[in-house]
Amino acid sequence: MCTNMFCANHKSNNPGWARRVYGNCIKPWRRKLDGCELEEKWDASAGSEIGFVKSAEILPLDGKYYGTRVVVNFKDDDSSEIKLWYNGTFHPSTREIESYGYTKEQYDEGEIVEDGWGGQSSVKDIIEICDSHFESEETLTLAQFIVGAINAICNLKEVKQ
């Protein structure tokens, strides 16, 4: 028996199981997993699993950082929020740097600027990433990917209808 948890042939007698687990896919493909051949045959037009979603967006940074917030808007005017928080390489995102009033170039080059206390410091020292309360490049990239994927699927479904 196949031990792969994604194997629709051995884990369930329900042919719709794979679609609910994987979501929608644009084209069918065939894979060999743990000695079990799994054929997935479903496409974005076949299911309505994401038909109730209208769009997704990244919310602006606001106050002390407690995660990058992605809002998924539903067609019934309700919404749900996803929070992402991963410090990665401890490099702040462009949005994080700009929230302090500086550019990514100033941060990367360590430009010396007025520090607001009558002295001068580098932009890196002023922003001073010293704890986990900042948006990293990796978190913003992941949020952009999620929003892009959700919006692409929503747009694809609108075109096909």
Protein backbone atom coordinates (compact mmCIF):
# COMPACT_ATOMS: atom_id res chain seq x y z
CA MET A 1 0.00 0.00 0.00
CA CYS A 2 1.20 3.49 -0.82
CA THR A 3 2.23 5.59 2.19
CA ASN A 4 2.05 8.92 0.38
CA MET A 5 -0.57 11.13 2.04
CA PHE A 6 -1.45 12.74 -1.30
CA CYS A 7 -2.26 9.51 -3.09
CA ALA A 8 -5.91 9.62 -4.11
CA ASN A 9 -5.77 6.01 -5.30
CA HIS A 10 -4.86 4.55 -1.92
CA LYS A 11 -6.10 7.01 0.68
CA SER A 12 -9.67 7.46 -0.45
CA ASN A 13 -12.30 5.91 -2.70
CA ASN A 14 -13.65 9.40 -3.39
CA PRO A 15 -12.46 10.61 -6.84
CA GLY A 16 -12.94 14.26 -5.80
CA TRP A 17 -10.50 13.89 -2.90
CA ALA A 18 -7.41 14.98 -4.83
CA ARG A 19 -9.06 18.16 -6.07
CA ARG A 20 -10.09 19.21 -2.57
CA VAL A 21 -6.59 18.57 -1.21
CA TYR A 22 -4.63 20.17 -4.04
CA GLY A 23 -7.07 22.91 -5.04
CA ASN A 24 -7.34 23.82 -8.71
CA CYS A 25 -4.69 23.18 -11.32
CA ILE A 26 -4.56 24.41 -14.90
CA LYS A 27 -3.44 21.14 -16.55
CA PRO A 28 -3.39 17.47 -15.61
CA TRP A 29 -0.10 15.72 -14.92
CA ARG A 30 1.17 12.32 -13.89
CA ARG A 31 3.61 11.61 -11.05
CA LYS A 32 5.24 8.58 -9.53
CA LEU A 33 5.17 8.78 -5.72
CA ASP A 34 6.50 6.07 -3.40
CA GLY A 35 6.00 3.40 -6.04
CA CYS A 36 2.41 4.51 -6.62
CA GLU A 37 1.42 6.09 -9.89
CA LEU A 38 -0.95 8.97 -9.25
CA GLU A 39 -2.88 10.64 -12.02
CA GLU A 40 -4.43 14.00 -11.28
CA LYS A 41 -7.05 15.12 -13.78
CA TRP A 42 -8.68 18.36 -12.79
CA ASP A 43 -8.43 21.91 -13.98
CA ALA A 44 -9.35 25.43 -12.92
CA SER A 45 -12.62 25.40 -14.84
CA ALA A 46 -13.81 22.12 -13.31
CA GLY A 47 -14.12 23.08 -9.68
CA SER A 48 -15.74 25.92 -7.81
CA GLU A 49 -13.49 25.63 -4.75
CA ILE A 50 -12.18 29.19 -5.16
CA GLY A 51 -15.21 30.62 -6.99
CA PHE A 52 -16.33 32.39 -3.83
CA VAL A 53 -13.11 34.44 -3.63
CA LYS A 54 -13.12 37.93 -5.17
CA SER A 55 -9.54 39.10 -4.64
CA ALA A 56 -6.59 39.33 -2.26
CA GLU A 57 -4.41 42.23 -1.19
CA ILE A 58 -1.50 43.06 1.12
CA LEU A 59 -2.42 45.55 3.82
CA PRO A 60 -0.08 48.49 4.49
CA LEU A 61 2.32 48.38 7.43
CA ASP A 62 0.71 49.95 10.47
CA GLY A 63 2.39 50.59 13.83
CA LYS A 64 4.47 47.92 15.52
CA TYR A 65 4.94 44.95 13.21
CA TYR A 66 3.09 41.75 14.10
CA GLY A 67 3.18 40.08 10.71
CA THR A 68 2.49 40.96 7.09
CA ARG A 69 -1.27 40.90 6.61
CA VAL A 70 -2.87 39.50 3.48
CA VAL A 71 -6.62 40.02 3.19
CA VAL A 72 -8.69 37.63 1.10
CA ASN A 73 -11.94 39.28 -0.01
CA PHE A 74 -14.93 37.04 -0.67
CA LYS A 75 -17.80 37.63 -3.08
CA ASP A 76 -20.29 37.93 -0.20
CA ASP A 77 -18.37 41.06 0.99
CA ASP A 78 -16.80 39.15 3.87
CA SER A 79 -13.02 38.87 4.24
CA SER A 80 -10.41 36.86 6.06
CA GLU A 81 -6.86 37.76 7.06
CA ILE A 82 -3.69 35.70 6.71
CA LYS A 83 -0.64 36.78 8.73
CA LEU A 84 2.88 35.92 7.60
CA TRP A 85 5.89 36.45 9.83
CA TYR A 86 9.30 35.11 8.88
CA ASN A 87 12.50 37.00 9.63
CA GLY A 88 14.54 35.10 7.06
CA THR A 89 17.92 36.75 6.53
CA PHE A 90 17.03 39.70 8.78
CA HIS A 91 16.99 42.07 5.80
CA PRO A 92 14.04 44.48 6.05
CA SER A 93 11.68 44.79 3.09
CA THR A 94 11.52 47.92 0.99
CA ARG A 95 8.16 48.72 2.62
CA GLU A 96 9.72 48.43 6.08
CA ILE A 97 12.60 50.77 5.16
CA GLU A 98 10.25 53.26 3.49
CA SER A 99 8.03 53.31 6.60
CA TYR A 100 10.96 55.04 8.35
CA GLY A 101 11.21 57.60 5.53
CA TYR A 102 14.30 56.18 3.80
CA THR A 103 14.95 54.34 0.54
CA LYS A 104 16.31 50.84 0.08
CA GLU A 105 19.36 52.35 -1.63
CA GLN A 106 20.09 54.53 1.43
CA TYR A 107 19.78 51.46 3.67
CA ASP A 108 21.92 49.18 1.45
CA GLU A 109 24.68 51.80 1.06
CA GLY A 110 24.67 52.72 4.76
CA GLU A 111 24.13 56.39 3.92
CA ILE A 112 24.85 58.81 6.79
CA VAL A 113 21.84 61.00 7.61
CA GLU A 114 20.63 63.28 10.41
CA ASP A 115 19.48 61.04 13.24
CA GLY A 116 16.94 63.45 14.73
CA TRP A 117 18.98 63.85 17.94
CA GLY A 118 21.43 66.47 16.63
CA GLY A 119 23.88 63.92 15.29
CA GLN A 120 24.39 61.71 12.28
CA SER A 121 24.05 57.96 11.86
CA SER A 122 23.79 55.48 9.05
CA VAL A 123 20.30 54.54 7.91
CA LYS A 124 21.02 50.95 9.02
CA ASP A 125 21.79 52.16 12.55
CA ILE A 126 18.67 54.31 12.68
CA ILE A 127 16.38 51.48 11.58
CA GLU A 128 18.36 49.01 13.73
CA ILE A 129 16.76 45.61 13.23
CA CYS A 130 17.31 44.27 16.75
CA ASP A 131 14.24 42.09 17.29
CA SER A 132 11.72 40.19 15.22
CA HIS A 133 9.24 43.06 14.79
CA PHE A 134 9.99 43.95 11.18
CA GLU A 135 8.85 42.85 7.73
CA SER A 136 11.62 40.89 5.99
CA GLU A 137 12.23 40.73 2.24
CA GLU A 138 11.26 37.05 2.34
CA THR A 139 7.93 37.70 4.06
CA LEU A 140 6.96 40.42 1.60
CA THR A 141 7.96 38.20 -1.35
CA LEU A 142 5.83 35.35 0.01
CA ALA A 143 2.87 37.68 0.58
CA GLN A 144 3.19 39.02 -2.97
CA PHE A 145 3.27 35.46 -4.31
CA ILE A 146 0.14 34.46 -2.38
CA VAL A 147 -1.77 37.57 -3.49
CA GLY A 148 -0.63 37.11 -7.08
CA ALA A 149 -1.67 33.44 -7.13
CA ILE A 150 -5.11 34.10 -5.63
CA ASN A 151 -5.77 37.04 -7.96
CA ALA A 152 -4.53 35.09 -11.02
CA ILE A 153 -6.91 32.21 -10.26
CA CYS A 154 -9.79 34.63 -9.68
CA ASN A 155 -9.05 36.40 -12.98
CA LEU A 156 -8.76 33.07 -14.81
CA LYS A 157 -12.18 31.98 -13.54
CA GLU A 158 -13.71 35.33 -14.58
CA VAL A 159 -12.31 34.96 -18.11
CA LYS A 160 -13.60 31.37 -18.47
CA GLN A 161 -17.15 32.17 -17.28
